[in-house]
Structures are given as C-alpha cells and as structure tokens.
Amino acid sequence: MNPSPAKPINPDTVSKPNRRVFAAMLLMALAVAVIAGSALAATSNLVKNGSFEKDTDGDGLDDAQEVKIYKTNPLSRNTDNDRYEDGQEIRLGLNPLVANSARINIKAENLRGEYNLGTIIELGLVAIPLGACAGVTLGACVSAIPVVAGLLNPILDHTVYSAKADITFINVGDDYTSYLSYDVVYYAGDQKIATVSQKFGKVDIRAGSTNTVSYDIKIRDIPGAIVNLVLRQATITAKVESVSYEYFG
C-alpha cells in the first residue's frame, strides 16, 4: 500500500502559535542562506584577490604555491640568493632552496720536457760569479750587479728546460662561470721556477677542455737557491694553483 503524498501547508489552516513558529523557521532558513552566500562570495574573492592567487614577490609563483608546495619565501623573489628567481628555478627543474653555482675540477697531467745540455753548461758558468744570489732569481741577481750584467745578459734568455703540461678542467657545478683563471707553476724539488697564468671566458655547465701549456724555463727564471738542483737535471713538476672563477651565491 503506497503512502499518500504529503500535502502542502496552507498558512490559513495553521493556528496562530504555529504560524509564529513557521515564520521563525522561515526567517532562520533565509538567514542561513544569506550567511552561506556571503561565505561563498568571500571565498571566491580570496581566491581571486587574496593569497591563493596573489604573487606578492613577483617571481612567477603565487603565494600559495610558494608556501604549500615549494616551501619558498613568498616575500622574496630569490629564496636561495643565487642567480635564478624561484619561478625560473621551478621552470628549469632546479631546486629553489639550494643556491646554484659553478664548480671547477682541474688538474695538470702528462708533464713532459727536456733539459738543454748546452744551456746547462752556461748556467754553471753564470752561477759561479752569482753564488751569493740565493734569495732571488739569476735574472734579478744580474740586474743588481751592473759589473756582470753586460757579460751575462746575452745568455739569460737561453732555455734551460722546455716544459709542457696538459691542463684538463670541467665545470661539474649546476651553473656557468663567466670566467676561469689559474696558474701553472713549475717546480724543481719544492722550489718554484716559473709561473704561467691562464685565463678563459665563460664555462657552461658540464663544459670542459684540455689545453697544453708550454713554457721555456730560461736561465733568468732559475732561483739562485736551486741552481745546483737544475745543474743535476732534477725532475721538473707542474701544479695548478690560484684557481679562480665566478661563483654565483
């Protein structure tokens, strides 16, 4: 047996006390509807104009993304203070919380060279009158003694040792450097003989090169303190020192 359908309430048939209850319920329903509508409008306004879509620092990420997803600072365009704004780092697949920088790995290898025996003999002859010049190079020593300068100057530029070294570098960082400079320093024992400075332009991420650095070590380059080492044709070594490149931090 199907129940009879409900009949609409006829206000004329409702008693006065019940009419008051009905009116109060109707007012309550209207109030709830107004409040709900206001909340919906406020939420919509927040989405459009509030922090959900607002990009306070102008880095291309809205504030909600920065706070809730990427954990970056919505008041700073560049949270990690590197060269890239937060939005750029997200688009490039980088971490906006870790500063990007270049990092150069560099080494000297395959050192080769040979002594010039004729110049070794000349070196011995130069060293005899300059025995007191242990603290400076033979070139500086000759310049300080005018009496022997005229005699020895012609042979100071004769090559004692022709050196070559392969210098290999690579940028293993996560940013480029706008320049790279370093010194190739040649040693006999633990004494420096000569320094060759090198400089390059921009080095991109994962870019690198191998360059052969050549240098003719001359009599004038030899420190007085190691003349005997060179006369005995001591092993010449090369090291990379004073490496400098632009760090974006």
Protein backbone atom coordinates (compact mmCIF):
# COMPACT_ATOMS: atom_id res chain seq x y z
CA MET A 1 0.00 0.00 0.00
CA ASN A 2 1.55 3.29 -1.14
CA PRO A 3 1.51 6.20 1.34
CA SER A 4 -0.47 9.23 0.37
CA PRO A 5 1.59 12.16 -0.92
CA ALA A 6 2.27 14.95 1.56
CA LYS A 7 0.03 17.97 1.21
CA PRO A 8 1.48 21.49 1.17
CA ILE A 9 0.90 23.54 4.26
CA ASN A 10 -1.76 26.16 3.89
CA PRO A 11 -0.91 29.12 6.13
CA ASP A 12 -4.66 29.82 6.51
CA THR A 13 -5.15 26.48 8.18
CA VAL A 14 -2.24 26.90 10.59
CA SER A 15 -3.05 28.14 14.04
CA LYS A 16 -1.61 31.45 15.18
CA PRO A 17 1.03 29.90 17.50
CA ASN A 18 2.09 27.57 14.74
CA ARG A 19 2.18 30.47 12.32
CA ARG A 20 4.72 32.19 14.55
CA VAL A 21 6.86 29.04 14.62
CA PHE A 22 6.59 28.69 10.86
CA ALA A 23 7.60 32.33 10.33
CA ALA A 24 10.59 31.93 12.68
CA MET A 25 11.75 28.82 10.80
CA LEU A 26 11.41 30.63 7.51
CA LEU A 27 13.49 33.55 8.78
CA MET A 28 16.15 31.17 10.07
CA ALA A 29 16.34 29.44 6.69
CA LEU A 30 16.73 32.79 4.95
CA ALA A 31 19.47 33.82 7.40
CA VAL A 32 21.37 30.58 6.79
CA ALA A 33 21.12 31.11 3.06
CA VAL A 34 22.42 34.69 3.35
CA ILE A 35 25.35 33.60 5.55
CA ALA A 36 26.25 30.75 3.20
CA GLY A 37 26.09 33.07 0.22
CA SER A 38 28.31 35.59 1.95
CA ALA A 39 30.89 32.90 2.83
CA LEU A 40 30.91 31.66 -0.75
CA ALA A 41 31.41 35.19 -2.04
CA ALA A 42 34.22 35.79 0.45
CA THR A 43 35.98 32.58 -0.55
CA SER A 44 35.64 33.47 -4.22
CA ASN A 45 37.05 36.92 -3.52
CA LEU A 46 40.01 35.41 -1.62
CA VAL A 47 40.81 33.10 -4.50
CA LYS A 48 40.76 35.99 -6.94
CA ASN A 49 42.39 38.68 -4.86
CA GLY A 50 43.89 37.04 -1.80
CA SER A 51 47.00 34.92 -1.10
CA PHE A 52 45.73 31.90 -3.05
CA GLU A 53 46.48 33.57 -6.39
CA LYS A 54 48.47 36.65 -5.41
CA ASP A 55 52.19 36.68 -6.33
CA THR A 56 53.49 39.09 -3.70
CA ASP A 57 57.16 38.96 -4.71
CA GLY A 58 56.56 38.75 -8.46
CA ASP A 59 58.69 35.65 -9.06
CA GLY A 60 56.11 33.81 -11.16
CA LEU A 61 54.81 31.61 -8.33
CA ASP A 62 51.68 32.52 -6.42
CA ASP A 63 51.94 32.74 -2.64
CA ALA A 64 50.02 29.52 -2.01
CA GLN A 65 52.40 27.56 -4.27
CA GLU A 66 55.41 29.02 -2.51
CA VAL A 67 54.15 28.24 1.00
CA LYS A 68 52.36 24.93 0.45
CA ILE A 69 54.25 23.26 -2.42
CA TYR A 70 57.76 24.63 -2.89
CA LYS A 71 58.41 25.88 0.69
CA THR A 72 59.95 29.05 -0.73
CA ASN A 73 59.62 32.57 0.66
CA PRO A 74 56.59 34.35 -0.86
CA LEU A 75 58.18 37.68 0.06
CA SER A 76 61.49 37.03 -1.75
CA ARG A 77 61.90 36.56 -5.50
CA ASN A 78 65.07 34.52 -4.89
CA THR A 79 64.84 32.40 -1.77
CA ASP A 80 68.31 30.82 -2.05
CA ASN A 81 70.04 34.03 -3.24
CA ASP A 82 71.56 32.59 -6.40
CA ARG A 83 71.27 33.99 -9.94
CA TYR A 84 67.84 32.46 -10.57
CA GLU A 85 64.47 33.61 -9.26
CA ASP A 86 62.26 30.97 -7.64
CA GLY A 87 59.92 30.75 -10.63
CA GLN A 88 62.85 30.35 -13.03
CA GLU A 89 64.29 27.51 -10.98
CA ILE A 90 60.98 25.63 -10.98
CA ARG A 91 60.67 26.02 -14.76
CA LEU A 92 64.27 24.85 -15.26
CA GLY A 93 63.86 21.86 -12.96
CA LEU A 94 66.24 23.31 -10.35
CA ASN A 95 65.84 23.45 -6.58
CA PRO A 96 64.82 26.96 -5.47
CA LEU A 97 66.01 26.17 -1.92
CA VAL A 98 69.62 25.36 -2.90
CA ALA A 99 71.92 28.01 -4.41
CA ASN A 100 73.26 27.12 -7.86
CA SER A 101 76.94 27.69 -8.55
CA ALA A 102 79.80 26.71 -10.82
CA ARG A 103 82.37 24.19 -9.53
CA ILE A 104 85.55 23.62 -11.50
CA ASN A 105 87.57 20.42 -11.33
CA ILE A 106 91.04 20.97 -12.74
CA LYS A 107 94.30 19.04 -12.87
CA ALA A 108 97.72 19.00 -14.53
CA GLU A 109 98.84 15.79 -16.19
CA ASN A 110 101.16 14.35 -18.81
CA LEU A 111 104.04 16.67 -17.93
CA ARG A 112 106.91 16.29 -20.36
CA GLY A 113 110.05 18.21 -21.26
CA GLU A 114 113.77 18.04 -21.61
CA TYR A 115 116.86 19.86 -20.49
CA ASN A 116 119.05 21.73 -22.96
CA LEU A 117 122.52 20.42 -22.16
CA GLY A 118 124.27 23.36 -23.80
CA THR A 119 122.37 25.80 -21.60
CA ILE A 120 123.08 23.69 -18.50
CA ILE A 121 126.78 24.38 -19.11
CA GLU A 122 126.05 28.11 -19.50
CA LEU A 123 124.04 28.03 -16.29
CA GLY A 124 127.04 26.66 -14.45
CA LEU A 125 129.20 29.48 -15.77
CA VAL A 126 126.59 32.09 -14.77
CA ALA A 127 126.21 30.64 -11.30
CA ILE A 128 129.91 30.91 -10.45
CA PRO A 129 130.01 34.73 -10.15
CA LEU A 130 126.48 34.81 -8.68
CA GLY A 131 126.98 32.45 -5.78
CA ALA A 132 125.64 35.00 -3.28
CA CYS A 133 122.27 35.35 -5.04
CA ALA A 134 120.43 32.52 -3.29
CA GLY A 135 117.40 34.61 -2.36
CA VAL A 136 116.41 35.77 -5.86
CA THR A 137 116.37 34.55 -9.44
CA LEU A 138 119.51 34.73 -11.51
CA GLY A 139 117.88 37.37 -13.72
CA ALA A 140 117.18 39.63 -10.74
CA CYS A 141 120.64 38.99 -9.40
CA VAL A 142 122.33 40.00 -12.66
CA SER A 143 120.27 43.20 -12.82
CA ALA A 144 121.51 44.11 -9.34
CA ILE A 145 125.19 43.72 -10.28
CA PRO A 146 125.98 46.10 -13.16
CA VAL A 147 129.56 44.87 -13.30
CA VAL A 148 128.49 41.44 -14.61
CA ALA A 149 125.24 42.48 -16.36
CA GLY A 150 126.90 43.31 -19.65
CA LEU A 151 128.66 39.98 -19.70
CA LEU A 152 125.78 37.73 -18.63
CA ASN A 153 122.65 39.40 -20.05
CA PRO A 154 123.07 37.85 -23.53
CA ILE A 155 122.70 34.32 -22.19
CA LEU A 156 119.96 34.88 -19.55
CA ASP A 157 117.21 34.16 -22.10
CA HIS A 158 118.67 30.84 -23.16
CA THR A 159 116.29 27.96 -22.45
CA VAL A 160 117.30 25.51 -19.72
CA TYR A 161 114.21 23.32 -19.86
CA SER A 162 111.28 23.15 -22.34
CA ALA A 163 108.20 22.10 -20.38
CA LYS A 164 104.73 21.05 -21.48
CA ALA A 165 101.76 20.04 -19.35
CA ASP A 166 98.18 19.13 -20.25
CA ILE A 167 95.67 21.03 -18.12
CA THR A 168 92.20 19.50 -18.01
CA PHE A 169 89.20 21.23 -16.46
CA ILE A 170 85.45 20.65 -16.33
CA ASN A 171 82.57 22.52 -14.73
CA VAL A 172 80.79 19.96 -12.53
CA GLY A 173 78.54 22.53 -10.86
CA ASP A 174 74.95 23.48 -11.67
CA ASP A 175 75.61 26.94 -13.06
CA TYR A 176 78.03 28.51 -15.51
CA THR A 177 81.01 30.69 -14.63
CA SER A 178 81.73 33.81 -16.66
CA TYR A 179 85.49 33.25 -16.46
CA LEU A 180 88.15 30.81 -15.30
CA SER A 181 91.75 31.66 -14.43
CA TYR A 182 94.60 29.62 -12.97
CA ASP A 183 98.37 29.40 -12.76
CA VAL A 184 100.52 26.52 -13.96
CA VAL A 185 103.50 26.53 -11.61
CA TYR A 186 106.70 24.61 -12.46
CA TYR A 187 108.88 23.29 -9.64
CA ALA A 188 112.32 21.77 -9.21
CA GLY A 189 112.08 19.94 -5.92
CA ASP A 190 109.90 22.16 -3.73
CA GLN A 191 111.17 25.39 -5.28
CA LYS A 192 109.16 27.37 -7.81
CA ILE A 193 110.90 28.00 -11.08
CA ALA A 194 108.23 29.57 -13.26
CA THR A 195 104.54 30.52 -13.26
CA VAL A 196 102.34 30.60 -16.36
CA SER A 197 98.97 32.33 -15.94
CA GLN A 198 95.97 31.19 -17.97
CA LYS A 199 92.52 32.75 -18.36
CA PHE A 200 89.37 31.61 -20.15
CA GLY A 201 85.94 33.09 -20.75
CA LYS A 202 82.56 31.56 -19.97
CA VAL A 203 82.47 27.89 -18.99
CA ASP A 204 79.00 26.34 -19.20
CA ILE A 205 77.64 23.54 -17.04
CA ARG A 206 79.38 20.25 -17.88
CA ALA A 207 81.68 22.06 -20.31
CA GLY A 208 85.41 21.47 -20.15
CA SER A 209 88.64 21.44 -22.07
CA THR A 210 92.17 20.06 -22.19
CA ASN A 211 94.85 22.59 -23.03
CA THR A 212 98.57 22.11 -23.43
CA VAL A 213 100.53 24.77 -21.56
CA SER A 214 104.10 25.18 -22.79
CA TYR A 215 106.85 27.16 -21.17
CA ASP A 216 110.58 27.52 -21.82
CA ILE A 217 112.33 27.88 -18.48
CA LYS A 218 115.20 30.26 -19.02
CA ILE A 219 118.38 30.91 -17.08
CA ARG A 220 116.91 34.17 -15.75
CA ASP A 221 113.98 32.21 -14.21
CA ILE A 222 116.16 29.95 -12.04
CA PRO A 223 116.23 30.85 -8.33
CA GLY A 224 119.77 31.04 -7.06
CA ALA A 225 118.89 28.61 -4.27
CA ILE A 226 118.22 25.73 -6.66
CA VAL A 227 120.92 26.20 -9.27
CA ASN A 228 122.58 23.00 -8.10
CA LEU A 229 119.29 21.08 -8.49
CA VAL A 230 118.94 22.27 -12.07
CA LEU A 231 122.58 21.56 -12.83
CA ARG A 232 121.91 17.98 -11.72
CA GLN A 233 118.88 17.98 -14.03
CA ALA A 234 116.38 17.46 -11.22
CA THR A 235 112.86 16.36 -12.12
CA ILE A 236 110.58 19.25 -13.07
CA THR A 237 106.98 19.04 -11.88
CA ALA A 238 103.90 21.16 -12.58
CA LYS A 239 100.93 22.08 -10.38
CA VAL A 240 97.75 24.05 -10.97
CA GLU A 241 97.39 26.83 -8.41
CA SER A 242 95.42 30.03 -7.79
CA VAL A 243 92.27 28.72 -9.48
CA SER A 244 89.62 31.41 -9.66
CA TYR A 245 86.16 31.53 -11.23
CA GLU A 246 82.95 33.42 -10.72
CA TYR A 247 80.78 31.90 -8.04
CA PHE A 248 77.10 32.81 -8.03
CA GLY A 249 75.98 32.54 -4.43
